[in-house]
């Protein structure tokens, strides 16, 4: 299994089709979170927080098969 599970939130949902904003994306050796964002058409400046397997991670984080990636934009609110 050379896939990671990617979930995007809030305004980033527009980059994934389907209601749940969830995708299984095939990865090759050395692929990073930033690479995944680029593949999905998510500009890096729209990414505020990333979690890989429930731990905060940078865009340069190298992914492993089976990783769970959550991508969040800046969120405003009160």
PDB file of N, CA and C in Angstrom:
ATOM      1  N   UNK A   1       0.844  -1.177   0.000  1.00  0.00           N
ATOM      2  CA  UNK A   1       0.000   0.000   0.000  1.00  0.00           C
ATOM      3  C   UNK A   1       0.892   1.244   0.000  1.00  0.00           C
ATOM      4  N   UNK A   2       0.972   1.937  -1.095  1.00  0.00           N
ATOM      5  CA  UNK A   2       1.769   3.155  -1.202  1.00  0.00           C
ATOM      6  C   UNK A   2       0.866   4.375  -1.273  1.00  0.00           C
ATOM      7  N   UNK A   3      -0.037   4.469  -0.314  1.00  0.00           N
ATOM      8  CA  UNK A   3      -0.987   5.573  -0.288  1.00  0.00           C
ATOM      9  C   UNK A   3      -0.953   6.264   1.064  1.00  0.00           C
ATOM     10  N   UNK A   4      -1.329   7.550   1.041  1.00  0.00           N
ATOM     11  CA  UNK A   4      -1.591   8.288   2.271  1.00  0.00           C
ATOM     12  C   UNK A   4      -3.036   8.755   2.203  1.00  0.00           C
ATOM     13  N   UNK A   5      -3.633   8.923   3.371  1.00  0.00           N
ATOM     14  CA  UNK A   5      -5.010   9.420   3.448  1.00  0.00           C
ATOM     15  C   UNK A   5      -4.932  10.909   3.764  1.00  0.00           C
ATOM     16  N   UNK A   6      -5.523  11.725   2.901  1.00  0.00           N
ATOM     17  CA  UNK A   6      -5.449  13.180   3.037  1.00  0.00           C
ATOM     18  C   UNK A   6      -6.848  13.738   3.263  1.00  0.00           C
ATOM     19  N   UNK A   7      -6.963  14.573   4.282  1.00  0.00           N
ATOM     20  CA  UNK A   7      -8.216  15.264   4.563  1.00  0.00           C
ATOM     21  C   UNK A   7      -7.918  16.758   4.605  1.00  0.00           C
ATOM     22  N   UNK A   8      -8.750  17.542   3.926  1.00  0.00           N
ATOM     23  CA  UNK A   8      -8.605  18.998   3.931  1.00  0.00           C
ATOM     24  C   UNK A   8      -9.828  19.610   4.589  1.00  0.00           C
ATOM     25  N   UNK A   9      -9.646  20.792   5.157  1.00  0.00           N
ATOM     26  CA  UNK A   9     -10.696  21.412   5.951  1.00  0.00           C
ATOM     27  C   UNK A   9     -11.020  22.815   5.462  1.00  0.00           C
ATOM     28  N   UNK A  10     -12.222  23.260   5.829  1.00  0.00           N
ATOM     29  CA  UNK A  10     -12.716  24.621   5.601  1.00  0.00           C
ATOM     30  C   UNK A  10     -12.570  25.015   4.128  1.00  0.00           C
ATOM     31  N   UNK A  11     -11.936  26.149   3.864  1.00  0.00           N
ATOM     32  CA  UNK A  11     -11.856  26.676   2.493  1.00  0.00           C
ATOM     33  C   UNK A  11     -11.022  25.805   1.557  1.00  0.00           C
ATOM     34  N   UNK A  12     -10.229  24.898   2.100  1.00  0.00           N
ATOM     35  CA  UNK A  12      -9.413  24.017   1.252  1.00  0.00           C
ATOM     36  C   UNK A  12     -10.224  22.864   0.669  1.00  0.00           C
ATOM     37  N   UNK A  13     -11.442  22.667   1.144  1.00  0.00           N
ATOM     38  CA  UNK A  13     -12.290  21.570   0.649  1.00  0.00           C
ATOM     39  C   UNK A  13     -12.531  21.656  -0.846  1.00  0.00           C
ATOM     40  N   UNK A  14     -12.486  22.868  -1.388  1.00  0.00           N
ATOM     41  CA  UNK A  14     -12.741  23.044  -2.819  1.00  0.00           C
ATOM     42  C   UNK A  14     -11.711  22.324  -3.686  1.00  0.00           C
ATOM     43  N   UNK A  15     -10.577  21.949  -3.110  1.00  0.00           N
ATOM     44  CA  UNK A  15      -9.522  21.286  -3.868  1.00  0.00           C
ATOM     45  C   UNK A  15      -9.717  19.778  -3.989  1.00  0.00           C
ATOM     46  N   UNK A  16     -10.694  19.240  -3.275  1.00  0.00           N
ATOM     47  CA  UNK A  16     -11.017  17.817  -3.374  1.00  0.00           C
ATOM     48  C   UNK A  16     -12.470  17.666  -3.763  1.00  0.00           C
ATOM     49  N   UNK A  17     -12.739  16.757  -4.657  1.00  0.00           N
ATOM     50  CA  UNK A  17     -14.125  16.496  -5.008  1.00  0.00           C
ATOM     51  C   UNK A  17     -14.725  15.568  -3.961  1.00  0.00           C
ATOM     52  N   UNK A  18     -16.010  15.614  -3.830  1.00  0.00           N
ATOM     53  CA  UNK A  18     -16.683  14.773  -2.852  1.00  0.00           C
ATOM     54  C   UNK A  18     -16.987  15.545  -1.586  1.00  0.00           C
ATOM     55  N   UNK A  19     -17.995  15.107  -0.891  1.00  0.00           N
ATOM     56  CA  UNK A  19     -18.471  15.824   0.280  1.00  0.00           C
ATOM     57  C   UNK A  19     -17.557  15.728   1.482  1.00  0.00           C
ATOM     58  N   UNK A  20     -16.824  14.647   1.629  1.00  0.00           N
ATOM     59  CA  UNK A  20     -16.049  14.456   2.851  1.00  0.00           C
ATOM     60  C   UNK A  20     -14.642  15.055   2.799  1.00  0.00           C
ATOM     61  N   UNK A  21     -14.241  15.609   1.654  1.00  0.00           N
ATOM     62  CA  UNK A  21     -12.919  16.241   1.502  1.00  0.00           C
ATOM     63  C   UNK A  21     -11.808  15.300   1.942  1.00  0.00           C
ATOM     64  N   UNK A  22     -11.911  14.063   1.509  1.00  0.00           N
ATOM     65  CA  UNK A  22     -10.969  13.015   1.884  1.00  0.00           C
ATOM     66  C   UNK A  22     -10.499  12.309   0.624  1.00  0.00           C
ATOM     67  N   UNK A  23      -9.202  12.019   0.554  1.00  0.00           N
ATOM     68  CA  UNK A  23      -8.666  11.321  -0.615  1.00  0.00           C
ATOM     69  C   UNK A  23      -7.544  10.392  -0.202  1.00  0.00           C
ATOM     70  N   UNK A  24      -7.423   9.309  -0.911  1.00  0.00           N
ATOM     71  CA  UNK A  24      -6.257   8.433  -0.796  1.00  0.00           C
ATOM     72  C   UNK A  24      -5.352   8.776  -1.968  1.00  0.00           C
ATOM     73  N   UNK A  25      -4.137   9.190  -1.659  1.00  0.00           N
ATOM     74  CA  UNK A  25      -3.217   9.646  -2.696  1.00  0.00           C
ATOM     75  C   UNK A  25      -1.991   8.755  -2.705  1.00  0.00           C
ATOM     76  N   UNK A  26      -1.650   8.294  -3.904  1.00  0.00           N
ATOM     77  CA  UNK A  26      -0.481   7.436  -4.072  1.00  0.00           C
ATOM     78  C   UNK A  26       0.784   8.266  -3.859  1.00  0.00           C
ATOM     79  N   UNK A  27       1.714   7.699  -3.130  1.00  0.00           N
ATOM     80  CA  UNK A  27       2.982   8.393  -2.911  1.00  0.00           C
ATOM     81  C   UNK A  27       4.128   7.534  -3.428  1.00  0.00           C
ATOM     82  N   UNK A  28       5.176   8.225  -3.830  1.00  0.00           N
ATOM     83  CA  UNK A  28       6.421   7.580  -4.221  1.00  0.00           C
ATOM     84  C   UNK A  28       7.470   7.999  -3.204  1.00  0.00           C
ATOM     85  N   UNK A  29       8.599   7.348  -3.176  1.00  0.00           N
ATOM     86  CA  UNK A  29       9.643   7.651  -2.213  1.00  0.00           C
ATOM     87  C   UNK A  29      10.012   9.126  -2.182  1.00  0.00           C
ATOM     88  N   UNK A  30      10.071   9.689  -0.985  1.00  0.00           N
ATOM     89  CA  UNK A  30      10.499  11.059  -0.809  1.00  0.00           C
ATOM     90  C   UNK A  30       9.429  12.113  -0.987  1.00  0.00           C
ATOM     91  N   UNK A  31       8.178  11.715  -1.224  1.00  0.00           N
ATOM     92  CA  UNK A  31       7.118  12.707  -1.409  1.00  0.00           C
ATOM     93  C   UNK A  31       6.809  13.382  -0.082  1.00  0.00           C
ATOM     94  N   UNK A  32       6.640  14.707  -0.130  1.00  0.00           N
ATOM     95  CA  UNK A  32       6.383  15.494   1.076  1.00  0.00           C
ATOM     96  C   UNK A  32       4.940  15.989   1.124  1.00  0.00           C
ATOM     97  N   UNK A  33       4.577  16.549   2.274  1.00  0.00           N
ATOM     98  CA  UNK A  33       3.259  17.175   2.407  1.00  0.00           C
ATOM     99  C   UNK A  33       3.121  18.287   1.371  1.00  0.00           C
ATOM    100  N   UNK A  34       4.166  19.081   1.188  1.00  0.00           N
ATOM    101  CA  UNK A  34       4.140  20.147   0.189  1.00  0.00           C
ATOM    102  C   UNK A  34       3.891  19.617  -1.215  1.00  0.00           C
ATOM    103  N   UNK A  35       4.473  18.467  -1.539  1.00  0.00           N
ATOM    104  CA  UNK A  35       4.235  17.843  -2.844  1.00  0.00           C
ATOM    105  C   UNK A  35       2.761  17.485  -3.011  1.00  0.00           C
ATOM    106  N   UNK A  36       2.164  16.939  -1.956  1.00  0.00           N
ATOM    107  CA  UNK A  36       0.744  16.567  -1.982  1.00  0.00           C
ATOM    108  C   UNK A  36      -0.112  17.819  -2.188  1.00  0.00           C
ATOM    109  N   UNK A  37       0.210  18.893  -1.468  1.00  0.00           N
ATOM    110  CA  UNK A  37      -0.530  20.149  -1.627  1.00  0.00           C
ATOM    111  C   UNK A  37      -0.460  20.622  -3.075  1.00  0.00           C
ATOM    112  N   UNK A  38       0.720  20.578  -3.651  1.00  0.00           N
ATOM    113  CA  UNK A  38       0.889  21.007  -5.044  1.00  0.00           C
ATOM    114  C   UNK A  38       0.069  20.140  -5.986  1.00  0.00           C
ATOM    115  N   UNK A  39       0.065  18.832  -5.777  1.00  0.00           N
ATOM    116  CA  UNK A  39      -0.724  17.923  -6.617  1.00  0.00           C
ATOM    117  C   UNK A  39      -2.207  18.248  -6.542  1.00  0.00           C
ATOM    118  N   UNK A  40      -2.674  18.652  -5.369  1.00  0.00           N
ATOM    119  CA  UNK A  40      -4.091  18.968  -5.183  1.00  0.00           C
ATOM    120  C   UNK A  40      -4.428  20.393  -5.617  1.00  0.00           C
ATOM    121  N   UNK A  41      -3.424  21.173  -5.985  1.00  0.00           N
ATOM    122  CA  UNK A  41      -3.665  22.547  -6.393  1.00  0.00           C
ATOM    123  C   UNK A  41      -3.845  23.507  -5.231  1.00  0.00           C
ATOM    124  N   UNK A  42      -3.356  23.118  -4.057  1.00  0.00           N
ATOM    125  CA  UNK A  42      -3.459  23.968  -2.874  1.00  0.00           C
ATOM    126  C   UNK A  42      -2.205  24.838  -2.787  1.00  0.00           C
ATOM    127  N   UNK A  43      -2.354  26.162  -2.922  1.00  0.00           N
ATOM    128  CA  UNK A  43      -1.184  27.034  -2.770  1.00  0.00           C
ATOM    129  C   UNK A  43      -0.619  26.921  -1.351  1.00  0.00           C
ATOM    130  N   UNK A  44       0.682  26.846  -1.243  1.00  0.00           N
ATOM    131  CA  UNK A  44       1.311  26.665   0.068  1.00  0.00           C
ATOM    132  C   UNK A  44       0.985  27.807   1.021  1.00  0.00           C
ATOM    133  N   UNK A  45       0.755  29.012   0.489  1.00  0.00           N
ATOM    134  CA  UNK A  45       0.431  30.132   1.372  1.00  0.00           C
ATOM    135  C   UNK A  45      -0.991  30.060   1.924  1.00  0.00           C
ATOM    136  N   UNK A  46      -1.797  29.111   1.432  1.00  0.00           N
ATOM    137  CA  UNK A  46      -3.142  28.899   1.976  1.00  0.00           C
ATOM    138  C   UNK A  46      -3.149  27.841   3.076  1.00  0.00           C
ATOM    139  N   UNK A  47      -2.004  27.231   3.337  1.00  0.00           N
ATOM    140  CA  UNK A  47      -1.901  26.193   4.360  1.00  0.00           C
ATOM    141  C   UNK A  47      -1.364  26.810   5.648  1.00  0.00           C
ATOM    142  N   UNK A  48      -2.125  26.663   6.727  1.00  0.00           N
ATOM    143  CA  UNK A  48      -1.698  27.217   8.017  1.00  0.00           C
ATOM    144  C   UNK A  48      -1.137  26.130   8.927  1.00  0.00           C
ATOM    145  N   UNK A  49      -1.853  24.998   9.025  1.00  0.00           N
ATOM    146  CA  UNK A  49      -1.445  23.923   9.931  1.00  0.00           C
ATOM    147  C   UNK A  49      -1.602  22.582   9.223  1.00  0.00           C
ATOM    148  N   UNK A  50      -0.608  21.711   9.428  1.00  0.00           N
ATOM    149  CA  UNK A  50      -0.643  20.350   8.895  1.00  0.00           C
ATOM    150  C   UNK A  50      -0.391  19.382  10.039  1.00  0.00           C
ATOM    151  N   UNK A  51      -1.157  18.311  10.047  1.00  0.00           N
ATOM    152  CA  UNK A  51      -0.909  17.218  10.980  1.00  0.00           C
ATOM    153  C   UNK A  51      -0.659  15.951  10.175  1.00  0.00           C
ATOM    154  N   UNK A  52       0.351  15.203  10.569  1.00  0.00           N
ATOM    155  CA  UNK A  52       0.612  13.879  10.004  1.00  0.00           C
ATOM    156  C   UNK A  52       0.522  12.903  11.164  1.00  0.00           C
ATOM    157  N   UNK A  53      -0.410  11.987  11.070  1.00  0.00           N
ATOM    158  CA  UNK A  53      -0.652  11.013  12.141  1.00  0.00           C
ATOM    159  C   UNK A  53      -0.857  11.712  13.494  1.00  0.00           C
ATOM    160  N   UNK A  54      -1.675  12.769  13.472  1.00  0.00           N
ATOM    161  CA  UNK A  54      -2.063  13.509  14.681  1.00  0.00           C
ATOM    162  C   UNK A  54      -0.925  14.307  15.320  1.00  0.00           C
ATOM    163  N   UNK A  55       0.168  14.534  14.595  1.00  0.00           N
ATOM    164  CA  UNK A  55       1.278  15.348  15.089  1.00  0.00           C
ATOM    165  C   UNK A  55       1.523  16.494  14.113  1.00  0.00           C
ATOM    166  N   UNK A  56       1.701  17.704  14.648  1.00  0.00           N
ATOM    167  CA  UNK A  56       1.961  18.855  13.795  1.00  0.00           C
ATOM    168  C   UNK A  56       3.207  18.591  12.946  1.00  0.00           C
ATOM    169  N   UNK A  57       3.118  18.981  11.658  1.00  0.00           N
ATOM    170  CA  UNK A  57       4.214  18.692  10.728  1.00  0.00           C
ATOM    171  C   UNK A  57       4.410  19.857   9.764  1.00  0.00           C
ATOM    172  N   UNK A  58       5.635  20.034   9.274  1.00  0.00           N
ATOM    173  CA  UNK A  58       5.901  21.067   8.270  1.00  0.00           C
ATOM    174  C   UNK A  58       5.570  20.556   6.863  1.00  0.00           C
ATOM    175  N   UNK A  59       5.490  21.465   5.905  1.00  0.00           N
ATOM    176  CA  UNK A  59       5.247  21.068   4.519  1.00  0.00           C
ATOM    177  C   UNK A  59       6.369  20.184   3.984  1.00  0.00           C
ATOM    178  N   UNK A  60       7.564  20.283   4.555  1.00  0.00           N
ATOM    179  CA  UNK A  60       8.699  19.475   4.075  1.00  0.00           C
ATOM    180  C   UNK A  60       8.706  18.054   4.651  1.00  0.00           C
ATOM    181  N   UNK A  61       7.722  17.731   5.481  1.00  0.00           N
ATOM    182  CA  UNK A  61       7.628  16.396   6.093  1.00  0.00           C
ATOM    183  C   UNK A  61       7.529  15.321   5.008  1.00  0.00           C
ATOM    184  N   UNK A  62       8.448  14.372   5.024  1.00  0.00           N
ATOM    185  CA  UNK A  62       8.417  13.253   4.079  1.00  0.00           C
ATOM    186  C   UNK A  62       7.374  12.254   4.561  1.00  0.00           C
ATOM    187  N   UNK A  63       6.537  11.818   3.633  1.00  0.00           N
ATOM    188  CA  UNK A  63       5.430  10.921   3.977  1.00  0.00           C
ATOM    189  C   UNK A  63       5.798   9.459   3.783  1.00  0.00           C
ATOM    190  N   UNK A  64       5.160   8.630   4.590  1.00  0.00           N
ATOM    191  CA  UNK A  64       5.329   7.179   4.523  1.00  0.00           C
ATOM    192  C   UNK A  64       3.988   6.547   4.171  1.00  0.00           C
ATOM    193  N   UNK A  65       3.984   5.402   3.500  1.00  0.00           N
ATOM    194  CA  UNK A  65       2.724   4.739   3.200  1.00  0.00           C
ATOM    195  C   UNK A  65       1.891   4.544   4.469  1.00  0.00           C
ATOM    196  N   UNK A  66       0.603   4.829   4.351  1.00  0.00           N
ATOM    197  CA  UNK A  66      -0.311   4.659   5.468  1.00  0.00           C
ATOM    198  C   UNK A  66      -0.468   5.895   6.344  1.00  0.00           C
ATOM    199  N   UNK A  67       0.335   6.943   6.113  1.00  0.00           N
ATOM    200  CA  UNK A  67       0.209   8.162   6.907  1.00  0.00           C
ATOM    201  C   UNK A  67      -1.168   8.793   6.714  1.00  0.00           C
ATOM    202  N   UNK A  68      -1.632   9.486   7.751  1.00  0.00           N
ATOM    203  CA  UNK A  68      -2.876  10.257   7.716  1.00  0.00           C
ATOM    204  C   UNK A  68      -2.498  11.728   7.781  1.00  0.00           C
ATOM    205  N   UNK A  69      -2.886  12.480   6.753  1.00  0.00           N
ATOM    206  CA  UNK A  69      -2.514  13.881   6.629  1.00  0.00           C
ATOM    207  C   UNK A  69      -3.769  14.745   6.733  1.00  0.00           C
ATOM    208  N   UNK A  70      -3.733  15.754   7.607  1.00  0.00           N
ATOM    209  CA  UNK A  70      -4.826  16.721   7.746  1.00  0.00           C
ATOM    210  C   UNK A  70      -4.253  18.095   7.446  1.00  0.00           C
ATOM    211  N   UNK A  71      -4.936  18.823   6.557  1.00  0.00           N
ATOM    212  CA  UNK A  71      -4.442  20.132   6.106  1.00  0.00           C
ATOM    213  C   UNK A  71      -5.496  21.195   6.422  1.00  0.00           C
ATOM    214  N   UNK A  72      -5.069  22.246   7.141  1.00  0.00           N
ATOM    215  CA  UNK A  72      -5.977  23.311   7.557  1.00  0.00           C
ATOM    216  C   UNK A  72      -5.518  24.660   7.021  1.00  0.00           C
ATOM    217  N   UNK A  73      -6.480  25.505   6.599  1.00  0.00           N
ATOM    218  CA  UNK A  73      -6.153  26.877   6.222  1.00  0.00           C
ATOM    219  C   UNK A  73      -6.167  27.759   7.474  1.00  0.00           C
ATOM    220  N   UNK A  74      -5.767  29.030   7.336  1.00  0.00           N
ATOM    221  CA  UNK A  74      -5.983  29.948   8.462  1.00  0.00           C
ATOM    222  C   UNK A  74      -7.491  30.035   8.710  1.00  0.00           C
ATOM    223  N   UNK A  75      -7.875  30.019   9.960  1.00  0.00           N
ATOM    224  CA  UNK A  75      -9.304  30.055  10.281  1.00  0.00           C
ATOM    225  C   UNK A  75      -9.563  31.253  11.173  1.00  0.00           C
ATOM    226  N   UNK A  76     -10.515  32.075  10.780  1.00  0.00           N
ATOM    227  CA  UNK A  76     -10.898  33.230  11.587  1.00  0.00           C
ATOM    228  C   UNK A  76     -12.226  32.916  12.262  1.00  0.00           C
ATOM    229  N   UNK A  77     -12.473  33.568  13.327  1.00  0.00           N
ATOM    230  CA  UNK A  77     -13.745  33.370  14.001  1.00  0.00           C
ATOM    231  C   UNK A  77     -13.703  33.958  15.392  1.00  0.00           C
ATOM    232  N   UNK A  78     -14.795  33.799  16.065  1.00  0.00           N
ATOM    233  CA  UNK A  78     -14.847  34.404  17.390  1.00  0.00           C
ATOM    234  C   UNK A  78     -15.306  33.456  18.436  1.00  0.00           C
TER     235      UNK A  78
END
